[in-house]
């Protein structure tokens, strides 16, 4: 076993945590060489004006990479004991611990516990660590890193050609499923007593999500061989959602071309620190949006990205205006008819609540597909298409009735390998990817722990750590929505 120095000064701890001076320089310890993480104890003496408050989350040492919440959690220790710093990598699946103790300093002090690894550590290469991370984050598998020399063509070549074939019968069967299930949902809302309305809304919101998936296939030219048919069906399918078809199509194409690319991806990406620090009101809105309101954040995305003509190229404006006209016509005719027949309460019951149910699924699918503590967003000069599409996309299984009503949109990795694969072939395509590229795939079953991980950890962009929680970037009184989620969201996986 090699001998190495575990000097926190060399790790940058002094520069980050100043003014908490080290009282003793640490001794030599036996430990594996980097990238294996270590556990050590050190004595720090916080100055009187800079006491570490119990429950305060501290930043990790410079150049080190924290991977498990809490990153640095302070709790009160005995008054006559030193401040101890423990870097405990048990949570990362490292079986062995390494520790040593310094001389006691008899002042009021606290204990800080942390899980860290070097920022350059290729921890995903370790199968045991990936397994531990999977359990902690709510995944069934976290894939190993895809080699840099693998290209999209290499992956595409392994998919059977029949998976790209359009089957008109299957395509129109999906339309029948969505129309029938939506009509059943409307009937349930009309007949259900008040205490069963939430179930009726959940069903109808899921059913109308199927309309979106049909339009989604039309936009990707995987619904019909006739482009005019696809434009008509796509526009009609989006109307009950008051979603403009062409503006969404233009922006969604860019999402596929620039998946998980900073600034360029038109789907969700981490919060920029500069944006978060801009204004107090903006900070509060972002904390709520990326916290408890995240399952409905697609409403904000819908408003921001699809109704502003300035966001589109001149060549796109004509088609964008046609889609916007269709949406406004539906609102001008459909909404008054609903109010006329059922009143404002009827509009809420029959349209608004299912629409919110749709946005729940839209938001949930989007964030689960592309958001996890170990999945990076990268700048364009560092971005790799194959890694982003295969390694940076998540496959998530849901209850079968959800997958049927939503036409398997949750089978998302093959859709990012090629958007020309029809929705009814996605399961077969994913099976092919499992056979040929299975060890690189990120997979999960939808569960509370997975959602809790995303909503309480994946917030602000950090180049080395991918995500930083709001708990590290905001004051205690600003992050109470995140604290609420951590306390009350179940942790079942």
Protein backbone atom coordinates (compact mmCIF):
# COMPACT_ATOMS: atom_id res chain seq x y z
CA UNK A 1 0.00 0.00 0.00
CA UNK A 2 1.44 3.36 -0.96
CA UNK A 3 2.08 6.17 1.53
CA UNK A 4 0.76 9.62 0.69
CA UNK A 5 0.18 12.91 2.42
CA UNK A 6 -3.36 13.77 3.43
CA UNK A 7 -2.47 17.43 4.07
CA UNK A 8 -5.68 19.49 3.94
CA UNK A 9 -3.56 22.55 3.15
CA UNK A 10 -2.45 20.87 -0.06
CA UNK A 11 -6.09 20.09 -0.82
CA UNK A 12 -7.02 23.74 -0.65
CA UNK A 13 -9.00 23.43 2.57
CA UNK A 14 -7.28 26.38 4.21
CA UNK A 15 -8.03 28.72 1.30
CA UNK A 16 -11.70 27.76 1.14
CA UNK A 17 -12.50 27.47 4.82
CA UNK A 18 -10.47 30.42 6.06
CA UNK A 19 -10.77 31.89 8.66
CA UNK A 20 -10.84 28.42 10.26
CA UNK A 21 -7.08 27.87 10.82
CA UNK A 22 -5.59 24.42 11.12
CA UNK A 23 -3.99 23.95 14.52
CA UNK A 24 -1.81 21.00 13.60
CA UNK A 25 -0.43 19.81 10.34
CA UNK A 26 -1.61 16.26 9.71
CA UNK A 27 0.71 13.31 9.80
CA UNK A 28 1.45 10.80 7.10
CA UNK A 29 -1.11 8.02 6.71
CA UNK A 30 -1.27 4.85 4.69
CA UNK A 31 -3.95 5.09 2.07
CA UNK A 32 -4.54 4.09 -1.53
CA UNK A 33 -3.37 6.56 -4.14
CA UNK A 34 -5.81 8.97 -5.73
CA UNK A 35 -8.47 8.44 -6.99
CA UNK A 36 -9.37 6.37 -3.92
CA UNK A 37 -10.98 8.74 -1.39
CA UNK A 38 -9.86 8.92 2.25
CA UNK A 39 -11.26 9.44 5.70
CA UNK A 40 -9.34 11.65 8.10
CA UNK A 41 -9.88 13.81 11.18
CA UNK A 42 -8.43 17.26 11.76
CA UNK A 43 -8.87 19.89 14.44
CA UNK A 44 -10.09 23.30 13.38
CA UNK A 45 -10.74 26.26 15.61
CA UNK A 46 -13.49 28.56 14.32
CA UNK A 47 -13.01 32.20 15.33
CA UNK A 48 -15.65 33.60 17.60
CA UNK A 49 -17.26 35.71 14.88
CA UNK A 50 -17.34 32.83 12.43
CA UNK A 51 -18.92 30.03 14.44
CA UNK A 52 -20.31 27.17 12.40
CA UNK A 53 -24.02 27.09 13.06
CA UNK A 54 -25.63 23.68 13.63
CA UNK A 55 -27.28 22.51 10.44
CA UNK A 56 -25.18 24.81 8.24
CA UNK A 57 -24.03 23.35 4.92
CA UNK A 58 -20.45 24.31 4.11
CA UNK A 59 -18.64 24.25 0.76
CA UNK A 60 -16.23 21.40 0.07
CA UNK A 61 -12.48 21.92 -0.09
CA UNK A 62 -11.13 23.45 -3.24
CA UNK A 63 -10.38 20.83 -5.88
CA UNK A 64 -12.47 18.17 -4.13
CA UNK A 65 -15.69 16.77 -5.28
CA UNK A 66 -18.58 16.10 -2.90
CA UNK A 67 -20.96 13.44 -4.09
CA UNK A 68 -23.38 12.65 -1.30
CA UNK A 69 -25.69 14.88 0.72
CA UNK A 70 -25.07 16.37 3.16
CA UNK A 71 -21.85 17.72 1.66
CA UNK A 72 -20.56 19.37 4.82
CA UNK A 73 -23.05 19.19 7.68
CA UNK A 74 -22.23 20.89 10.97
CA UNK A 75 -23.72 19.73 14.27
CA UNK A 76 -22.90 20.70 17.83
CA UNK A 77 -20.21 18.66 19.52
CA UNK A 78 -19.16 18.51 23.18
CA UNK A 79 -17.98 21.87 24.46
CA UNK A 80 -14.60 20.57 25.58
CA UNK A 81 -13.80 18.65 22.39
CA UNK A 82 -12.00 19.86 19.28
CA UNK A 83 -13.61 20.62 15.97
CA UNK A 84 -13.21 17.39 14.06
CA UNK A 85 -13.23 17.12 10.32
CA UNK A 86 -14.18 13.67 9.06
CA UNK A 87 -14.12 12.84 5.39
CA UNK A 88 -16.14 9.64 5.36
CA UNK A 89 -16.39 7.82 2.07
CA UNK A 90 -18.51 4.93 3.32
CA UNK A 91 -21.51 6.45 1.52
CA UNK A 92 -19.67 6.10 -1.77
CA UNK A 93 -19.23 2.40 -1.28
CA UNK A 94 -15.58 2.53 -0.24
CA UNK A 95 -15.20 -0.27 2.22
CA UNK A 96 -12.06 0.82 4.06
CA UNK A 97 -11.70 3.85 6.30
CA UNK A 98 -8.55 5.77 7.14
CA UNK A 99 -8.44 8.11 10.12
CA UNK A 100 -6.16 9.78 12.58
CA UNK A 101 -6.59 12.11 15.56
CA UNK A 102 -4.84 15.35 16.51
CA UNK A 103 -4.25 16.88 19.91
CA UNK A 104 -7.36 18.20 21.64
CA UNK A 105 -8.01 21.92 21.71
CA UNK A 106 -10.34 22.76 24.56
CA UNK A 107 -12.66 25.32 23.04
CA UNK A 108 -16.26 25.27 21.95
CA UNK A 109 -16.28 23.36 18.74
CA UNK A 110 -18.37 21.41 16.30
CA UNK A 111 -18.09 18.31 14.19
CA UNK A 112 -18.22 18.48 10.43
CA UNK A 113 -18.88 15.33 8.44
CA UNK A 114 -18.41 15.11 4.72
CA UNK A 115 -18.20 12.73 1.81
CA UNK A 116 -15.72 13.87 -0.79
CA UNK A 117 -13.61 12.55 -3.63
CA UNK A 118 -11.03 14.36 -5.75
CA UNK A 119 -12.66 16.41 -8.51
CA UNK A 120 -10.71 14.53 -11.14
CA UNK A 121 -11.64 11.15 -9.71
CA UNK A 122 -13.22 8.84 -12.30
CA UNK A 123 -15.50 7.37 -9.64
CA UNK A 124 -17.97 6.05 -12.24
CA UNK A 125 -15.33 3.56 -13.37
CA UNK A 126 -15.76 1.68 -10.10
CA UNK A 127 -18.65 -0.80 -10.30
CA UNK A 128 -19.13 -0.97 -6.54
CA UNK A 129 -19.31 2.82 -6.25
CA UNK A 130 -21.83 2.99 -9.09
CA UNK A 131 -23.96 0.41 -7.30
CA UNK A 132 -23.91 2.43 -4.09
CA UNK A 133 -24.75 5.60 -5.98
CA UNK A 134 -27.62 3.84 -7.72
CA UNK A 135 -29.13 2.87 -4.38
CA UNK A 136 -28.63 6.32 -2.93
CA UNK A 137 -30.09 8.21 -5.89
CA UNK A 138 -32.97 5.83 -6.64
CA UNK A 139 -31.57 4.22 -9.81
CA UNK A 140 -31.47 0.55 -10.69
CA UNK A 141 -28.28 1.10 -12.68
CA UNK A 142 -25.82 3.94 -13.23
CA UNK A 143 -23.88 3.28 -16.40
CA UNK A 144 -20.14 3.40 -16.67
CA UNK A 145 -18.66 6.25 -18.76
CA UNK A 146 -18.88 5.81 -22.51
CA UNK A 147 -15.40 5.86 -24.12
CA UNK A 148 -14.57 9.01 -26.07
CA UNK A 149 -13.97 7.10 -29.30
CA UNK A 150 -17.55 5.78 -29.52
CA UNK A 151 -19.65 7.72 -32.01
CA UNK A 152 -23.38 8.00 -32.67
CA UNK A 153 -22.87 6.03 -35.88
CA UNK A 154 -21.36 3.16 -33.88
CA UNK A 155 -24.49 3.01 -31.74
CA UNK A 156 -26.92 3.50 -34.62
CA UNK A 157 -25.34 0.66 -36.58
CA UNK A 158 -26.30 -1.80 -33.84
CA UNK A 159 -30.04 -1.00 -34.09
CA UNK A 160 -32.09 -3.26 -36.42
CA UNK A 161 -33.37 -1.39 -39.47
CA UNK A 162 -36.94 -2.61 -38.90
CA UNK A 163 -37.17 -0.42 -35.80
CA UNK A 164 -37.26 2.68 -38.04
CA UNK A 165 -40.18 1.44 -40.14
CA UNK A 166 -43.49 3.30 -39.84
CA UNK A 167 -46.57 1.11 -39.33
CA UNK A 168 -49.75 3.05 -40.12
CA UNK A 169 -51.95 0.62 -38.20
CA UNK A 170 -49.91 1.00 -35.02
CA UNK A 171 -49.72 4.78 -35.44
CA UNK A 172 -53.49 5.21 -35.74
CA UNK A 173 -54.05 2.68 -32.97
CA UNK A 174 -52.16 5.06 -30.67
CA UNK A 175 -54.57 7.83 -31.73
CA UNK A 176 -57.52 5.56 -30.91
CA UNK A 177 -56.06 4.75 -27.49
CA UNK A 178 -55.60 8.44 -26.65
CA UNK A 179 -59.01 9.56 -27.91
CA UNK A 180 -60.81 6.70 -26.14
CA UNK A 181 -58.94 7.11 -22.85
CA UNK A 182 -59.45 10.89 -22.90
CA UNK A 183 -63.19 10.51 -23.58
CA UNK A 184 -63.39 8.02 -20.72
CA UNK A 185 -61.62 10.53 -18.49
CA UNK A 186 -64.10 13.29 -19.35
CA UNK A 187 -66.97 10.89 -18.58
CA UNK A 188 -65.34 10.03 -15.24
CA UNK A 189 -65.04 13.72 -14.35
CA UNK A 190 -68.70 14.29 -15.26
CA UNK A 191 -69.99 11.35 -13.21
CA UNK A 192 -67.54 11.04 -10.31
CA UNK A 193 -68.45 12.33 -6.83
CA UNK A 194 -66.21 15.13 -5.57
CA UNK A 195 -63.97 12.83 -3.55
CA UNK A 196 -63.10 10.76 -6.65
CA UNK A 197 -62.35 13.75 -8.85
CA UNK A 198 -58.58 13.64 -8.15
CA UNK A 199 -58.48 10.11 -9.58
CA UNK A 200 -60.48 11.20 -12.62
CA UNK A 201 -58.18 14.17 -13.15
CA UNK A 202 -55.09 11.97 -12.82
CA UNK A 203 -56.41 9.56 -15.45
CA UNK A 204 -57.51 12.33 -17.84
CA UNK A 205 -54.25 14.26 -17.44
CA UNK A 206 -52.30 11.12 -18.25
CA UNK A 207 -54.55 10.37 -21.21
CA UNK A 208 -54.15 13.85 -22.69
CA UNK A 209 -50.38 13.43 -22.35
CA UNK A 210 -50.81 10.74 -25.00
CA UNK A 211 -51.99 13.51 -27.37
CA UNK A 212 -48.70 15.25 -26.83
CA UNK A 213 -46.73 12.07 -27.61
CA UNK A 214 -48.67 11.64 -30.86
CA UNK A 215 -47.80 15.21 -31.85
CA UNK A 216 -44.26 14.50 -30.73
CA UNK A 217 -44.02 11.58 -33.18
CA UNK A 218 -45.45 13.78 -35.93
CA UNK A 219 -42.81 16.44 -35.29
CA UNK A 220 -40.07 13.80 -35.58
CA UNK A 221 -41.54 12.41 -38.83
CA UNK A 222 -42.10 9.02 -37.24
CA UNK A 223 -45.92 8.99 -37.37
CA UNK A 224 -46.74 8.94 -41.09
CA UNK A 225 -44.99 8.89 -44.45
CA UNK A 226 -47.11 11.87 -45.46
CA UNK A 227 -45.69 15.17 -44.15
CA UNK A 228 -49.02 17.01 -44.51
CA UNK A 229 -50.80 14.35 -42.46
CA UNK A 230 -48.18 14.71 -39.76
CA UNK A 231 -48.54 18.50 -39.65
CA UNK A 232 -52.34 18.27 -39.39
CA UNK A 233 -52.39 15.49 -36.79
CA UNK A 234 -49.61 17.13 -34.77
CA UNK A 235 -51.37 20.50 -34.71
CA UNK A 236 -54.72 18.95 -33.72
CA UNK A 237 -53.12 16.75 -31.05
CA UNK A 238 -51.49 19.80 -29.43
CA UNK A 239 -54.63 21.98 -29.44
CA UNK A 240 -56.28 20.63 -26.23
CA UNK A 241 -52.98 21.41 -24.50
CA UNK A 242 -52.91 24.93 -26.04
CA UNK A 243 -49.41 24.04 -27.17
CA UNK A 244 -48.30 25.63 -30.49
CA UNK A 245 -47.05 22.74 -32.58
CA UNK A 246 -44.51 24.39 -34.90
CA UNK A 247 -42.77 26.54 -32.26
CA UNK A 248 -42.39 23.47 -30.07
CA UNK A 249 -41.08 21.41 -33.00
CA UNK A 250 -38.37 23.94 -33.85
CA UNK A 251 -37.14 24.18 -30.27
CA UNK A 252 -37.40 20.45 -29.62
CA UNK A 253 -35.25 19.66 -32.64
CA UNK A 254 -32.55 21.79 -31.09
CA UNK A 255 -32.89 19.87 -27.81
CA UNK A 256 -32.08 16.66 -29.66
CA UNK A 257 -29.16 18.22 -31.51
CA UNK A 258 -27.68 19.78 -28.35
CA UNK A 259 -28.78 17.44 -25.54
CA UNK A 260 -27.18 18.36 -22.19
CA UNK A 261 -25.14 21.15 -23.79
CA UNK A 262 -24.90 24.26 -21.64
CA UNK A 263 -26.81 27.26 -23.04
CA UNK A 264 -27.65 25.42 -26.28
CA UNK A 265 -30.10 22.78 -24.99
CA UNK A 266 -33.63 24.20 -25.10
CA UNK A 267 -34.91 21.75 -22.50
CA UNK A 268 -34.07 22.28 -18.83
CA UNK A 269 -30.55 22.81 -17.64
CA UNK A 270 -28.95 23.65 -14.30
CA UNK A 271 -29.42 27.12 -12.84
CA UNK A 272 -26.58 29.52 -13.65
CA UNK A 273 -25.01 30.91 -10.48
CA UNK A 274 -25.01 34.41 -11.99
CA UNK A 275 -28.74 34.10 -12.68
CA UNK A 276 -29.39 32.83 -9.18
CA UNK A 277 -27.43 35.70 -7.61
CA UNK A 278 -29.06 38.39 -9.75
CA UNK A 279 -32.09 39.56 -7.73
CA UNK A 280 -33.69 38.45 -4.42
CA UNK A 281 -37.09 37.96 -6.05
CA UNK A 282 -35.52 35.88 -8.81
CA UNK A 283 -33.74 33.74 -6.21
CA UNK A 284 -37.01 32.93 -4.47
CA UNK A 285 -38.75 32.10 -7.74
CA UNK A 286 -35.90 29.80 -8.80
CA UNK A 287 -35.82 28.00 -5.43
CA UNK A 288 -39.56 27.30 -5.64
CA UNK A 289 -39.40 26.45 -9.35
CA UNK A 290 -36.54 23.96 -9.04
CA UNK A 291 -37.88 22.71 -5.71
CA UNK A 292 -41.55 22.02 -4.85
CA UNK A 293 -42.96 23.38 -8.15
CA UNK A 294 -40.56 21.43 -10.34
CA UNK A 295 -43.20 18.86 -11.37
CA UNK A 296 -45.06 21.76 -13.04
CA UNK A 297 -42.11 23.82 -14.27
CA UNK A 298 -42.93 22.91 -17.86
CA UNK A 299 -45.67 25.56 -17.65
CA UNK A 300 -42.98 28.23 -17.40
CA UNK A 301 -41.03 26.59 -20.21
CA UNK A 302 -44.17 26.54 -22.36
CA UNK A 303 -44.77 30.26 -21.80
CA UNK A 304 -41.18 31.42 -22.24
CA UNK A 305 -40.12 29.43 -25.28
CA UNK A 306 -43.11 29.12 -27.61
CA UNK A 307 -44.96 32.44 -27.88
CA UNK A 308 -42.13 34.93 -28.49
CA UNK A 309 -41.52 35.45 -32.21
CA UNK A 310 -38.07 36.87 -31.46
CA UNK A 311 -36.89 33.40 -30.48
CA UNK A 312 -37.32 32.04 -34.01
CA UNK A 313 -35.44 32.37 -37.29
CA UNK A 314 -37.02 34.41 -40.09
CA UNK A 315 -37.56 31.23 -42.11
CA UNK A 316 -39.60 29.77 -39.22
CA UNK A 317 -41.86 32.73 -38.49
CA UNK A 318 -44.56 31.85 -41.05
CA UNK A 319 -45.20 28.37 -39.67
CA UNK A 320 -44.94 29.66 -36.10
CA UNK A 321 -47.69 32.21 -36.76
CA UNK A 322 -49.99 29.51 -38.18
CA UNK A 323 -49.57 27.38 -35.04
CA UNK A 324 -50.12 30.35 -32.74
CA UNK A 325 -53.28 31.26 -34.66
CA UNK A 326 -54.62 27.73 -34.17
CA UNK A 327 -53.92 27.83 -30.44
CA UNK A 328 -55.55 31.24 -29.97
CA UNK A 329 -58.56 30.11 -32.03
CA UNK A 330 -58.98 27.07 -29.79
CA UNK A 331 -58.84 29.29 -26.71
CA UNK A 332 -61.27 31.80 -28.23
CA UNK A 333 -63.81 29.14 -29.24
CA UNK A 334 -63.23 26.14 -26.98
CA UNK A 335 -62.94 27.90 -23.61
CA UNK A 336 -66.13 29.98 -23.99
CA UNK A 337 -68.02 26.86 -25.06
CA UNK A 338 -66.89 25.00 -21.96
CA UNK A 339 -67.84 27.95 -19.73
CA UNK A 340 -71.19 28.28 -21.52
CA UNK A 341 -72.03 24.61 -21.00
CA UNK A 342 -70.49 23.96 -17.57
CA UNK A 343 -69.62 27.36 -16.07
CA UNK A 344 -66.26 28.51 -14.78
CA UNK A 345 -66.17 25.59 -12.32
CA UNK A 346 -66.75 23.27 -15.27
CA UNK A 347 -63.82 24.88 -17.10
CA UNK A 348 -61.65 24.16 -14.06
CA UNK A 349 -62.94 20.59 -13.75
CA UNK A 350 -62.92 19.56 -17.39
CA UNK A 351 -59.96 21.50 -18.79
CA UNK A 352 -57.65 23.14 -16.23
CA UNK A 353 -57.14 20.19 -13.87
CA UNK A 354 -56.38 17.66 -16.65
CA UNK A 355 -54.08 20.27 -18.20
CA UNK A 356 -52.17 20.54 -14.91
CA UNK A 357 -52.03 16.74 -14.86
CA UNK A 358 -50.49 16.80 -18.33
CA UNK A 359 -47.86 19.31 -17.20
CA UNK A 360 -47.05 17.11 -14.23
CA UNK A 361 -46.10 14.32 -16.62
CA UNK A 362 -44.41 16.69 -19.07
CA UNK A 363 -42.22 18.06 -16.28
CA UNK A 364 -41.59 14.69 -14.64
CA UNK A 365 -40.61 12.94 -17.86
CA UNK A 366 -38.31 15.82 -18.84
CA UNK A 367 -36.43 16.10 -15.56
CA UNK A 368 -36.12 12.34 -15.03
CA UNK A 369 -34.82 11.86 -18.58
CA UNK A 370 -31.92 14.29 -18.28
CA UNK A 371 -31.31 15.25 -14.63
CA UNK A 372 -29.22 13.34 -12.11
CA UNK A 373 -26.31 14.22 -9.81
CA UNK A 374 -23.89 12.20 -11.93
CA UNK A 375 -25.05 13.42 -15.37
CA UNK A 376 -23.15 16.53 -16.53
CA UNK A 377 -24.14 19.43 -18.71
CA UNK A 378 -21.09 20.45 -20.74
CA UNK A 379 -19.89 23.44 -22.72
CA UNK A 380 -19.91 23.03 -26.50
CA UNK A 381 -16.14 22.56 -26.72
CA UNK A 382 -16.28 19.63 -24.26
CA UNK A 383 -19.57 18.13 -25.42
CA UNK A 384 -19.70 14.64 -26.94
CA UNK A 385 -22.86 13.63 -28.80
CA UNK A 386 -22.71 9.89 -28.08
CA UNK A 387 -22.02 10.45 -24.39
CA UNK A 388 -24.85 12.95 -24.08
CA UNK A 389 -27.44 10.84 -25.90
CA UNK A 390 -26.56 7.37 -24.57
CA UNK A 391 -24.81 8.17 -21.27
CA UNK A 392 -26.64 11.40 -20.44
CA UNK A 393 -30.21 10.19 -20.92
CA UNK A 394 -32.14 8.09 -18.41
CA UNK A 395 -34.50 5.20 -19.06
CA UNK A 396 -37.23 5.07 -16.40
CA UNK A 397 -39.95 2.44 -15.98
CA UNK A 398 -43.42 3.55 -14.83
CA UNK A 399 -46.60 1.67 -14.00
CA UNK A 400 -47.76 -0.05 -17.16
CA UNK A 401 -51.02 1.92 -17.45
CA UNK A 402 -48.99 5.14 -17.55
CA UNK A 403 -46.71 3.78 -20.25
CA UNK A 404 -49.71 2.65 -22.34
CA UNK A 405 -51.52 6.00 -22.10
CA UNK A 406 -48.28 7.91 -22.78
CA UNK A 407 -47.18 5.62 -25.63
CA UNK A 408 -43.85 4.59 -24.05
CA UNK A 409 -42.35 8.09 -24.10
CA UNK A 410 -40.50 7.05 -20.93
CA UNK A 411 -38.36 4.68 -23.05
CA UNK A 412 -36.18 7.63 -23.86
CA UNK A 413 -32.63 6.52 -24.60
CA UNK A 414 -33.38 5.03 -28.04
CA UNK A 415 -35.42 8.13 -28.84
CA UNK A 416 -32.25 10.18 -28.32
CA UNK A 417 -30.16 7.80 -30.37
CA UNK A 418 -32.60 8.38 -33.23
CA UNK A 419 -35.78 10.45 -33.06
CA UNK A 420 -37.00 8.67 -36.21
CA UNK A 421 -37.87 5.54 -34.22
CA UNK A 422 -41.68 5.45 -33.78
CA UNK A 423 -42.97 5.34 -30.21
CA UNK A 424 -44.38 1.81 -30.66
CA UNK A 425 -40.86 0.53 -31.47
CA UNK A 426 -39.07 2.17 -28.55
CA UNK A 427 -39.23 -0.85 -26.25
CA UNK A 428 -37.68 -3.12 -28.88
CA UNK A 429 -35.03 -0.50 -29.56
CA UNK A 430 -34.19 -0.24 -25.86
CA UNK A 431 -33.84 -4.01 -25.65
CA UNK A 432 -31.35 -3.85 -28.52
CA UNK A 433 -29.39 -1.13 -26.72
CA UNK A 434 -29.34 -3.21 -23.55
CA UNK A 435 -27.89 -6.14 -25.48
CA UNK A 436 -25.16 -4.07 -27.14
CA UNK A 437 -24.52 -1.13 -24.81
CA UNK A 438 -26.15 -2.21 -21.56
CA UNK A 439 -23.28 -1.37 -19.21
CA UNK A 440 -23.37 2.29 -20.29
CA UNK A 441 -27.10 2.85 -19.67
CA UNK A 442 -28.67 4.80 -16.81
CA UNK A 443 -31.89 3.05 -15.73
CA UNK A 444 -34.44 3.51 -12.97
CA UNK A 445 -37.91 2.62 -11.82
CA UNK A 446 -39.96 5.70 -11.00
CA UNK A 447 -39.82 6.13 -7.23
CA UNK A 448 -39.86 8.69 -4.44
CA UNK A 449 -36.11 8.61 -3.86
CA UNK A 450 -35.39 9.38 -7.50
CA UNK A 451 -37.70 12.41 -7.42
CA UNK A 452 -36.34 13.54 -4.06
CA UNK A 453 -32.77 13.37 -5.37
CA UNK A 454 -33.60 15.56 -8.37
CA UNK A 455 -35.71 18.08 -6.47
CA UNK A 456 -33.39 18.54 -3.48
CA UNK A 457 -29.90 18.12 -5.00
CA UNK A 458 -29.83 19.04 -8.71
CA UNK A 459 -29.96 22.82 -8.74
CA UNK A 460 -27.03 25.14 -9.56
CA UNK A 461 -24.45 24.40 -12.26
CA UNK A 462 -20.93 23.58 -11.15
CA UNK A 463 -18.27 22.57 -13.67
CA UNK A 464 -16.53 20.03 -11.45
CA UNK A 465 -19.45 18.71 -9.41
CA UNK A 466 -22.15 19.04 -12.12
CA UNK A 467 -24.80 20.22 -9.63
CA UNK A 468 -24.72 22.18 -6.37
CA UNK A 469 -27.74 22.29 -4.09
CA UNK A 470 -29.38 25.58 -3.17
CA UNK A 471 -28.33 24.76 0.38
CA UNK A 472 -24.78 25.72 -0.56
CA UNK A 473 -25.63 28.89 -2.45
CA UNK A 474 -28.43 30.52 -0.46
CA UNK A 475 -29.14 31.52 3.12
CA UNK A 476 -31.18 29.35 5.46
CA UNK A 477 -34.29 31.52 5.24
CA UNK A 478 -34.25 31.25 1.42
CA UNK A 479 -34.06 27.46 1.19
CA UNK A 480 -36.95 26.45 3.44
CA UNK A 481 -38.81 24.91 0.42
CA UNK A 482 -35.86 22.55 -0.08
CA UNK A 483 -35.68 21.77 3.63
CA UNK A 484 -39.41 21.03 3.55
CA UNK A 485 -38.96 18.57 0.68
CA UNK A 486 -36.04 16.83 2.37
CA UNK A 487 -38.04 16.44 5.55
CA UNK A 488 -41.41 15.37 4.19
CA UNK A 489 -40.80 13.65 0.83
CA UNK A 490 -40.66 9.86 1.29
CA UNK A 491 -37.33 8.19 0.63
CA UNK A 492 -38.68 4.93 -0.76
CA UNK A 493 -36.89 3.45 -3.74
